[in-house]
């Protein structure tokens, strides 16, 4: 029998476990999927927007894998600081595959970034997704205007949630506390701002169209911004996704020209619509301005194309009022404790998934997912990435299996002071969330804090 620990229960971890148990080269592989949280599914549970039900339904596919007879879910087991050290895992299992995202938000690096009211967009996502680490966050939605810095899908998600009518979110699993805060929100304008032009934005067209389809908000673009982009007038030479994005924005500009009056807005929308979304381009943040210790505005420098695919500053500045600032400008890798780390690439050095220590493969240690390839790709990208790592591990299996390991690694973890949450504990959390939703007249509602999750799992 080959015993493998997979650290991380998001898509990359689950796909790795699936690749290991569904192959026929090495019989009787047993996999424990470990997670720091008592809940599985990683970013599918805690990173996908609540109104994206189709993507969230991927949990059903991941569930089917985790219910395999030779796969066990072991939640509430941190690896590294305050948990089980990597070297101890190698004593308990023949091999360990690290499938942790290990990515932090990039910072803007501008004055005022740490003022109250300035957050990373993923902190905001964690809050409305009920991540237990976000329970202490206080998102004051008291200002009239919010600024989202970035033009990727995360920026689109948080913009959409800020502008969506709260009653639309009631049908989702948003925690009750976040739903109440969004219902009481004073935000009426959301500015999504990028330093480059619309032809270079990184959002997908489907996500972009969703902004224009919100019945609770009208969308606007600034013709003066669009005129700076050479590819905007003729997008025919752009890659397909970028071209479609430009076509959508051109539709919005045309609709605004027909409606007339300043900033372009979506056709057919009444001026009585309570919220507005304004897409801005060619603006680079240079300072977050405060008042009384809180965010009050963001100062931007106007940029222009530099002829090489980048932008340069023009020395012209503009301020946008903001009571809330969310940055969504990408990620950078974070070093996992106990593993080698390449700070330039933001990944663990590896060869086809085998962890490299001082240039040589480290026996029994593997990586998959973002920690292997960097913060790139979509959920489906994790499948071939996981298969490559699993193939390397299986090639090494004859050598790995020579070492004796405990018959019950989870019992050893308990003996070491940890309180693992197994699959029945997770099912109990699911039932508790369903019961909470019934009590609130809603569908299942996520439990947003550690105490509540562990109590529901029977570990409280």
Protein backbone atom coordinates (compact mmCIF):
# COMPACT_ATOMS: atom_id res chain seq x y z
CA UNK A 1 0.00 0.00 0.00
CA UNK A 2 1.21 3.50 -0.89
CA UNK A 3 0.03 6.22 1.51
CA UNK A 4 -0.02 9.78 0.16
CA UNK A 5 -0.93 13.05 1.84
CA UNK A 6 -2.28 15.81 -0.41
CA UNK A 7 -2.13 19.19 1.32
CA UNK A 8 -4.98 21.36 0.08
CA UNK A 9 -8.54 20.36 -0.84
CA UNK A 10 -9.15 22.83 -3.65
CA UNK A 11 -9.31 21.73 -7.30
CA UNK A 12 -5.57 21.07 -7.65
CA UNK A 13 -5.53 18.89 -4.53
CA UNK A 14 -8.68 16.98 -5.42
CA UNK A 15 -7.55 16.43 -9.02
CA UNK A 16 -4.21 15.13 -7.73
CA UNK A 17 -5.96 12.68 -5.41
CA UNK A 18 -8.22 11.58 -8.27
CA UNK A 19 -5.25 10.99 -10.58
CA UNK A 20 -3.57 8.85 -7.94
CA UNK A 21 -6.48 6.53 -7.15
CA UNK A 22 -7.89 6.14 -10.66
CA UNK A 23 -4.68 4.90 -12.27
CA UNK A 24 -3.80 1.18 -12.58
CA UNK A 25 0.00 1.35 -12.59
CA UNK A 26 0.32 1.25 -8.80
CA UNK A 27 -2.42 -0.72 -7.00
CA UNK A 28 -3.91 0.25 -3.65
CA UNK A 29 -2.90 3.90 -3.34
CA UNK A 30 -4.52 5.54 -0.28
CA UNK A 31 -4.79 9.32 -0.18
CA UNK A 32 -5.57 11.64 2.71
CA UNK A 33 -6.53 15.14 1.53
CA UNK A 34 -5.49 17.54 4.29
CA UNK A 35 -6.74 21.08 4.69
CA UNK A 36 -6.15 23.83 7.23
CA UNK A 37 -9.89 24.58 7.15
CA UNK A 38 -12.60 22.21 8.40
CA UNK A 39 -14.31 22.59 5.00
CA UNK A 40 -13.17 21.23 1.62
CA UNK A 41 -13.12 22.71 -1.90
CA UNK A 42 -10.70 25.61 -1.37
CA UNK A 43 -11.36 28.60 -3.61
CA UNK A 44 -14.44 26.96 -5.12
CA UNK A 45 -16.10 27.46 -1.73
CA UNK A 46 -14.27 30.59 -0.64
CA UNK A 47 -13.26 32.38 -3.85
CA UNK A 48 -16.05 31.96 -6.40
CA UNK A 49 -18.61 34.77 -6.29
CA UNK A 50 -21.87 33.70 -4.60
CA UNK A 51 -23.96 34.61 -7.64
CA UNK A 52 -21.89 32.34 -9.90
CA UNK A 53 -23.90 29.23 -9.16
CA UNK A 54 -22.72 27.31 -12.24
CA UNK A 55 -19.07 27.54 -11.21
CA UNK A 56 -19.90 26.85 -7.57
CA UNK A 57 -21.67 23.65 -8.68
CA UNK A 58 -18.19 22.28 -9.39
CA UNK A 59 -18.28 21.37 -5.70
CA UNK A 60 -20.47 18.42 -6.70
CA UNK A 61 -17.68 17.05 -8.91
CA UNK A 62 -15.09 17.56 -6.18
CA UNK A 63 -17.41 15.90 -3.66
CA UNK A 64 -17.64 12.76 -5.80
CA UNK A 65 -13.85 12.45 -5.75
CA UNK A 66 -13.54 13.04 -2.00
CA UNK A 67 -16.13 10.31 -1.38
CA UNK A 68 -13.94 7.72 -3.16
CA UNK A 69 -13.32 4.72 -0.91
CA UNK A 70 -9.54 5.23 -1.01
CA UNK A 71 -9.60 8.98 -0.40
CA UNK A 72 -10.13 10.55 3.01
CA UNK A 73 -10.78 14.20 3.85
CA UNK A 74 -8.84 15.45 6.88
CA UNK A 75 -9.76 19.04 7.68
CA UNK A 76 -8.65 21.40 10.45
CA UNK A 77 -5.03 20.28 10.03
CA UNK A 78 -2.62 23.18 9.46
CA UNK A 79 0.74 22.26 7.97
CA UNK A 80 3.71 24.30 9.11
CA UNK A 81 3.31 27.00 11.76
CA UNK A 82 1.02 25.94 14.63
CA UNK A 83 0.40 22.60 12.96
CA UNK A 84 2.17 19.52 11.67
CA UNK A 85 5.69 20.22 10.34
CA UNK A 86 6.48 19.04 6.79
CA UNK A 87 9.13 16.68 8.10
CA UNK A 88 6.54 15.03 10.35
CA UNK A 89 4.21 14.49 7.39
CA UNK A 90 7.01 12.62 5.65
CA UNK A 91 7.20 10.32 8.66
CA UNK A 92 3.47 9.59 8.43
CA UNK A 93 3.14 9.18 4.64
CA UNK A 94 5.23 7.74 1.83
CA UNK A 95 4.73 10.94 -0.16
CA UNK A 96 3.32 14.44 0.36
CA UNK A 97 1.91 16.60 -2.44
CA UNK A 98 1.56 20.30 -1.63
CA UNK A 99 -1.40 21.82 -3.49
CA UNK A 100 -1.57 25.10 -1.61
CA UNK A 101 -2.22 28.35 -3.44
CA UNK A 102 0.47 30.13 -1.43
CA UNK A 103 -0.30 33.48 -3.05
CA UNK A 104 -0.74 36.89 -1.49
CA UNK A 105 -2.29 39.96 -3.03
CA UNK A 106 0.10 42.37 -4.63
CA UNK A 107 0.23 45.75 -2.95
CA UNK A 108 0.00 49.06 -4.74
CA UNK A 109 3.02 50.49 -2.97
CA UNK A 110 1.50 53.97 -2.68
CA UNK A 111 1.09 56.33 0.30
CA UNK A 112 -2.12 55.82 2.23
CA UNK A 113 -2.53 52.16 1.26
CA UNK A 114 -2.91 51.14 4.91
CA UNK A 115 -5.62 53.66 5.79
CA UNK A 116 -8.84 52.29 7.27
CA UNK A 117 -11.14 51.43 4.40
CA UNK A 118 -8.34 50.23 2.10
CA UNK A 119 -8.32 46.46 1.53
CA UNK A 120 -7.29 43.83 -0.94
CA UNK A 121 -10.18 42.63 -3.09
CA UNK A 122 -9.59 39.07 -1.94
CA UNK A 123 -10.15 40.19 1.67
CA UNK A 124 -13.53 41.46 0.52
CA UNK A 125 -14.21 38.19 -1.32
CA UNK A 126 -13.27 36.22 1.80
CA UNK A 127 -15.68 38.33 3.86
CA UNK A 128 -18.72 37.82 1.64
CA UNK A 129 -17.72 34.16 1.08
CA UNK A 130 -17.68 33.52 4.87
CA UNK A 131 -14.04 32.50 5.10
CA UNK A 132 -13.46 31.99 8.84
CA UNK A 133 -10.25 34.03 8.77
CA UNK A 134 -12.29 37.02 7.56
CA UNK A 135 -14.74 37.03 10.46
CA UNK A 136 -12.97 39.96 12.11
CA UNK A 137 -12.90 42.17 9.02
CA UNK A 138 -15.05 45.26 9.26
CA UNK A 139 -16.15 46.51 5.86
CA UNK A 140 -17.68 49.92 6.43
CA UNK A 141 -19.92 50.56 3.44
CA UNK A 142 -20.86 54.02 4.61
CA UNK A 143 -19.34 56.11 1.83
CA UNK A 144 -21.19 56.98 -1.34
CA UNK A 145 -18.35 55.94 -3.66
CA UNK A 146 -16.07 52.89 -3.84
CA UNK A 147 -12.98 52.47 -6.01
CA UNK A 148 -11.85 49.06 -7.27
CA UNK A 149 -8.31 49.17 -8.65
CA UNK A 150 -7.76 46.54 -11.33
CA UNK A 151 -9.49 45.26 -14.45
CA UNK A 152 -9.42 41.48 -14.05
CA UNK A 153 -12.12 39.01 -13.05
CA UNK A 154 -11.61 39.51 -9.31
CA UNK A 155 -12.16 43.24 -9.80
CA UNK A 156 -15.31 42.50 -11.82
CA UNK A 157 -16.61 40.15 -9.10
CA UNK A 158 -16.26 42.63 -6.24
CA UNK A 159 -17.65 45.46 -8.39
CA UNK A 160 -20.68 43.35 -9.24
CA UNK A 161 -21.34 42.40 -5.61
CA UNK A 162 -21.09 46.04 -4.50
CA UNK A 163 -23.54 47.10 -7.21
CA UNK A 164 -25.95 44.18 -7.05
CA UNK A 165 -29.30 44.57 -5.29
CA UNK A 166 -29.11 42.84 -1.86
CA UNK A 167 -32.34 40.95 -2.53
CA UNK A 168 -30.57 39.21 -5.42
CA UNK A 169 -27.90 37.95 -3.02
CA UNK A 170 -30.46 36.66 -0.54
CA UNK A 171 -30.90 33.57 -2.71
CA UNK A 172 -27.17 32.76 -2.40
CA UNK A 173 -25.13 31.37 0.50
CA UNK A 174 -23.71 34.77 1.51
CA UNK A 175 -23.47 34.85 5.33
CA UNK A 176 -26.22 36.77 7.06
CA UNK A 177 -23.85 39.36 8.52
CA UNK A 178 -22.41 40.25 5.11
CA UNK A 179 -25.89 40.27 3.54
CA UNK A 180 -27.06 42.72 6.19
CA UNK A 181 -24.05 44.99 5.62
CA UNK A 182 -24.58 44.96 1.85
CA UNK A 183 -28.28 45.69 2.30
CA UNK A 184 -27.42 48.71 4.46
CA UNK A 185 -24.62 49.85 2.12
CA UNK A 186 -24.50 53.55 1.26
CA UNK A 187 -22.35 52.86 -1.84
CA UNK A 188 -24.03 54.24 -4.94
CA UNK A 189 -21.06 54.56 -7.31
CA UNK A 190 -18.44 51.92 -7.99
CA UNK A 191 -15.43 52.97 -10.06
CA UNK A 192 -13.39 50.12 -11.58
CA UNK A 193 -10.07 51.60 -12.66
CA UNK A 194 -7.19 50.26 -14.77
CA UNK A 195 -3.81 51.78 -15.56
CA UNK A 196 -3.92 50.54 -19.15
CA UNK A 197 -6.59 50.57 -21.85
CA UNK A 198 -9.70 48.47 -22.52
CA UNK A 199 -7.91 46.41 -25.16
CA UNK A 200 -5.44 45.18 -22.51
CA UNK A 201 -7.88 44.45 -19.68
CA UNK A 202 -7.73 40.92 -18.27
CA UNK A 203 -11.38 40.21 -17.53
CA UNK A 204 -13.29 37.61 -19.53
CA UNK A 205 -16.13 38.74 -21.77
CA UNK A 206 -18.77 36.73 -19.90
CA UNK A 207 -17.85 38.44 -16.63
CA UNK A 208 -17.76 41.84 -18.32
CA UNK A 209 -21.24 41.40 -19.83
CA UNK A 210 -22.62 40.53 -16.40
CA UNK A 211 -21.83 44.05 -15.23
CA UNK A 212 -23.96 45.54 -17.98
CA UNK A 213 -26.80 43.11 -17.26
CA UNK A 214 -27.33 44.12 -13.62
CA UNK A 215 -30.88 45.46 -13.24
CA UNK A 216 -29.82 47.30 -10.09
CA UNK A 217 -27.11 49.44 -11.73
CA UNK A 218 -26.35 51.38 -14.88
CA UNK A 219 -22.92 51.11 -16.40
CA UNK A 220 -20.83 53.93 -17.79
CA UNK A 221 -17.57 54.44 -19.65
CA UNK A 222 -15.59 57.62 -20.25
CA UNK A 223 -15.10 58.37 -23.97
CA UNK A 224 -11.94 60.37 -23.24
CA UNK A 225 -10.36 57.26 -21.68
CA UNK A 226 -11.30 55.07 -24.61
CA UNK A 227 -9.88 57.48 -27.17
CA UNK A 228 -6.38 56.93 -25.75
CA UNK A 229 -6.35 53.24 -26.74
CA UNK A 230 -5.10 52.78 -30.34
CA UNK A 231 -6.75 49.35 -30.62
CA UNK A 232 -10.13 50.56 -29.41
CA UNK A 233 -11.18 52.16 -32.70
CA UNK A 234 -10.18 49.06 -34.69
CA UNK A 235 -9.98 45.92 -32.50
CA UNK A 236 -9.71 43.52 -35.46
CA UNK A 237 -6.06 42.74 -34.76
CA UNK A 238 -6.61 41.84 -31.09
CA UNK A 239 -6.77 38.31 -29.64
CA UNK A 240 -10.35 37.00 -29.58
CA UNK A 241 -11.07 37.64 -25.88
CA UNK A 242 -9.67 41.17 -25.95
CA UNK A 243 -11.55 41.92 -29.16
CA UNK A 244 -14.85 40.77 -27.67
CA UNK A 245 -14.20 42.85 -24.55
CA UNK A 246 -13.66 45.95 -26.67
CA UNK A 247 -16.82 45.21 -28.64
CA UNK A 248 -18.85 45.09 -25.42
CA UNK A 249 -17.41 48.38 -24.21
CA UNK A 250 -18.07 49.96 -27.60
CA UNK A 251 -21.71 48.89 -27.28
CA UNK A 252 -21.88 50.66 -23.92
CA UNK A 253 -20.26 53.79 -25.32
CA UNK A 254 -22.72 53.85 -28.23
CA UNK A 255 -25.66 53.37 -25.88
CA UNK A 256 -24.43 56.26 -23.78
CA UNK A 257 -24.06 58.51 -26.80
CA UNK A 258 -27.66 57.79 -27.72
CA UNK A 259 -28.83 58.48 -24.17
CA UNK A 260 -26.62 61.62 -24.19
CA UNK A 261 -25.38 63.51 -21.20
CA UNK A 262 -21.82 63.18 -19.93
CA UNK A 263 -20.61 59.72 -19.02
CA UNK A 264 -21.87 57.01 -21.32
CA UNK A 265 -24.47 54.69 -19.82
CA UNK A 266 -26.28 51.50 -20.78
CA UNK A 267 -29.25 52.09 -23.06
CA UNK A 268 -32.73 51.89 -21.64
CA UNK A 269 -31.65 52.41 -18.04
CA UNK A 270 -33.58 54.89 -15.96
CA UNK A 271 -31.79 57.65 -14.13
CA UNK A 272 -33.66 56.41 -11.06
CA UNK A 273 -31.47 53.27 -10.92
CA UNK A 274 -29.92 53.51 -7.45
CA UNK A 275 -26.36 52.45 -8.33
CA UNK A 276 -23.89 53.09 -11.11
CA UNK A 277 -20.71 51.37 -12.29
CA UNK A 278 -18.08 53.48 -14.02
CA UNK A 279 -15.24 51.81 -15.92
CA UNK A 280 -12.14 53.99 -16.11
CA UNK A 281 -8.90 53.38 -18.00
CA UNK A 282 -5.41 54.86 -18.29
CA UNK A 283 -5.32 55.94 -14.64
CA UNK A 284 -2.51 54.83 -12.31
CA UNK A 285 -2.98 55.17 -8.52
CA UNK A 286 -0.32 57.33 -6.90
CA UNK A 287 -1.83 57.99 -3.46
CA UNK A 288 -4.81 57.05 -1.30
CA UNK A 289 -5.98 60.20 0.41
CA UNK A 290 -7.39 60.11 3.92
CA UNK A 291 -9.52 62.15 6.24
CA UNK A 292 -9.73 61.41 9.95
CA UNK A 293 -7.65 58.26 9.48
CA UNK A 294 -10.00 56.79 6.86
CA UNK A 295 -9.97 56.60 3.07
CA UNK A 296 -11.52 59.67 1.44
CA UNK A 297 -10.31 59.58 -2.20
CA UNK A 298 -7.76 58.07 -4.57
CA UNK A 299 -5.36 60.24 -6.54
CA UNK A 300 -4.54 58.90 -10.02
CA UNK A 301 -2.04 59.95 -12.65
CA UNK A 302 -3.28 59.89 -16.22
CA UNK A 303 -1.26 57.42 -18.31
CA UNK A 304 -0.89 56.95 -22.05
CA UNK A 305 0.43 54.15 -24.28
CA UNK A 306 4.23 54.15 -24.53
CA UNK A 307 4.34 52.37 -27.91
CA UNK A 308 5.81 49.14 -26.50
CA UNK A 309 2.68 47.65 -24.90
CA UNK A 310 3.07 49.52 -21.62
CA UNK A 311 2.07 52.94 -20.37
CA UNK A 312 3.83 56.06 -19.15
CA UNK A 313 2.71 58.85 -16.89
CA UNK A 314 1.62 62.17 -18.32
CA UNK A 315 1.94 64.36 -15.25
CA UNK A 316 -1.81 65.01 -15.21
CA UNK A 317 -3.73 63.97 -12.12
CA UNK A 318 -7.31 63.22 -11.13
CA UNK A 319 -8.96 62.40 -7.81
CA UNK A 320 -11.91 60.05 -7.34
CA UNK A 321 -13.92 60.12 -4.12
CA UNK A 322 -13.88 56.85 -2.21
CA UNK A 323 -15.05 55.61 1.17
CA UNK A 324 -13.80 52.12 0.27
CA UNK A 325 -10.80 51.09 -1.84
CA UNK A 326 -10.28 47.52 -3.01
CA UNK A 327 -7.09 46.57 -4.85
CA UNK A 328 -7.23 43.70 -7.34
CA UNK A 329 -3.88 43.94 -9.09
CA UNK A 330 -2.71 40.34 -9.03
CA UNK A 331 -0.90 37.99 -6.69
CA UNK A 332 2.60 37.16 -5.60
CA UNK A 333 3.80 33.81 -4.28
CA UNK A 334 4.30 33.30 -0.55
CA UNK A 335 6.88 30.81 0.74
CA UNK A 336 5.33 27.72 2.38
CA UNK A 337 7.01 26.87 5.67
CA UNK A 338 9.55 24.09 5.39
CA UNK A 339 9.77 24.06 1.58
CA UNK A 340 12.33 25.69 -0.72
CA UNK A 341 11.06 28.78 -2.49
CA UNK A 342 11.98 30.80 -5.56
CA UNK A 343 11.11 34.43 -4.67
CA UNK A 344 11.44 35.58 -8.26
CA UNK A 345 8.98 33.08 -9.71
CA UNK A 346 6.94 32.87 -6.52
CA UNK A 347 6.93 29.07 -6.67
CA UNK A 348 8.54 26.01 -5.12
CA UNK A 349 11.40 24.80 -7.37
CA UNK A 350 10.40 21.51 -8.98
CA UNK A 351 10.97 19.15 -11.89
CA UNK A 352 7.67 17.81 -13.26
CA UNK A 353 6.19 18.30 -9.80
CA UNK A 354 9.10 16.80 -7.82
CA UNK A 355 10.30 19.31 -5.20
CA UNK A 356 13.93 20.28 -5.73
CA UNK A 357 16.18 20.98 -2.77
CA UNK A 358 19.58 22.37 -3.79
CA UNK A 359 18.80 21.32 -7.34
CA UNK A 360 18.09 17.66 -6.54
CA UNK A 361 14.68 15.94 -6.17
CA UNK A 362 13.60 15.68 -2.53
CA UNK A 363 12.35 12.14 -2.00
CA UNK A 364 8.63 12.02 -1.29
CA UNK A 365 7.89 15.74 -1.73
CA UNK A 366 5.80 17.07 -4.63
CA UNK A 367 3.83 20.17 -5.66
CA UNK A 368 0.81 20.94 -7.85
CA UNK A 369 -1.35 24.00 -8.49
CA UNK A 370 -0.31 27.60 -7.96
CA UNK A 371 2.62 26.74 -5.71
CA UNK A 372 3.97 24.74 -8.66
CA UNK A 373 3.27 26.97 -11.64
CA UNK A 374 2.41 30.39 -10.15
CA UNK A 375 -0.97 32.17 -9.89
CA UNK A 376 -2.13 31.51 -13.42
CA UNK A 377 -4.83 29.71 -15.36
CA UNK A 378 -8.43 28.84 -14.57
CA UNK A 379 -9.89 26.02 -12.48
CA UNK A 380 -9.54 23.54 -15.33
CA UNK A 381 -5.81 24.31 -15.66
CA UNK A 382 -5.29 22.40 -12.44
CA UNK A 383 -6.24 19.06 -14.00
CA UNK A 384 -3.25 18.55 -16.37
CA UNK A 385 -0.98 20.13 -13.76
CA UNK A 386 -2.16 17.55 -11.18
CA UNK A 387 -1.82 14.67 -13.65
CA UNK A 388 1.82 15.55 -14.36
CA UNK A 389 2.67 15.59 -10.66
CA UNK A 390 0.77 12.35 -10.00
CA UNK A 391 2.65 10.67 -12.87
CA UNK A 392 5.99 11.67 -11.32
CA UNK A 393 4.94 10.36 -7.92
CA UNK A 394 3.78 7.04 -9.38
CA UNK A 395 7.07 6.62 -11.22
CA UNK A 396 8.82 7.02 -7.87
CA UNK A 397 6.39 4.70 -6.03
CA UNK A 398 8.60 1.56 -5.89
CA UNK A 399 11.29 3.48 -4.04
CA UNK A 400 8.86 5.44 -1.86
CA UNK A 401 6.96 2.35 -0.69
CA UNK A 402 10.07 0.77 0.82
CA UNK A 403 9.82 3.01 3.86
CA UNK A 404 7.54 1.97 6.73
CA UNK A 405 4.78 4.41 7.73
CA UNK A 406 2.00 4.18 10.36
CA UNK A 407 -1.15 2.24 9.51
CA UNK A 408 -3.32 5.16 10.67
CA UNK A 409 -1.66 8.54 10.07
CA UNK A 410 -4.76 10.45 11.18
CA UNK A 411 -4.62 8.78 14.59
CA UNK A 412 -1.03 9.98 14.84
CA UNK A 413 -2.15 13.52 14.04
CA UNK A 414 -4.74 13.33 16.83
CA UNK A 415 -2.11 12.01 19.21
CA UNK A 416 -0.02 15.06 18.32
CA UNK A 417 -2.74 17.39 19.61
CA UNK A 418 -4.60 18.17 16.39
CA UNK A 419 -8.38 17.82 16.00
CA UNK A 420 -8.94 16.58 12.46
CA UNK A 421 -12.39 17.04 10.95
CA UNK A 422 -13.24 14.00 8.84
CA UNK A 423 -15.88 13.70 6.12
CA UNK A 424 -18.80 13.11 8.54
CA UNK A 425 -17.79 16.33 10.31
CA UNK A 426 -17.96 18.22 7.03
CA UNK A 427 -21.39 16.72 6.30
CA UNK A 428 -22.48 17.94 9.73
CA UNK A 429 -21.31 21.47 8.80
CA UNK A 430 -23.34 21.25 5.60
CA UNK A 431 -26.44 20.26 7.54
CA UNK A 432 -25.89 23.04 10.08
CA UNK A 433 -25.64 25.57 7.23
CA UNK A 434 -28.84 24.21 5.70
CA UNK A 435 -30.60 24.50 9.07
CA UNK A 436 -29.31 28.06 9.50
CA UNK A 437 -30.69 28.95 6.09
CA UNK A 438 -34.09 27.44 6.89
CA UNK A 439 -34.26 29.47 10.10
CA UNK A 440 -33.58 32.63 8.07
CA UNK A 441 -36.02 31.78 5.30
CA UNK A 442 -33.15 31.25 2.87
CA UNK A 443 -31.29 28.40 1.21
CA UNK A 444 -28.10 27.12 2.89
CA UNK A 445 -26.21 29.98 4.54
CA UNK A 446 -22.51 29.69 5.29
CA UNK A 447 -21.24 29.68 8.86
CA UNK A 448 -18.63 32.47 8.87
CA UNK A 449 -16.45 31.75 11.93
CA UNK A 450 -14.11 29.10 13.28
CA UNK A 451 -16.08 28.56 16.47
CA UNK A 452 -19.32 27.91 14.62
CA UNK A 453 -17.71 25.61 12.04
CA UNK A 454 -15.90 23.47 14.59
CA UNK A 455 -18.97 23.27 16.82
CA UNK A 456 -21.06 22.14 13.84
CA UNK A 457 -18.44 19.53 12.98
CA UNK A 458 -18.51 18.15 16.53
CA UNK A 459 -15.05 19.47 17.38
CA UNK A 460 -16.23 22.53 19.33
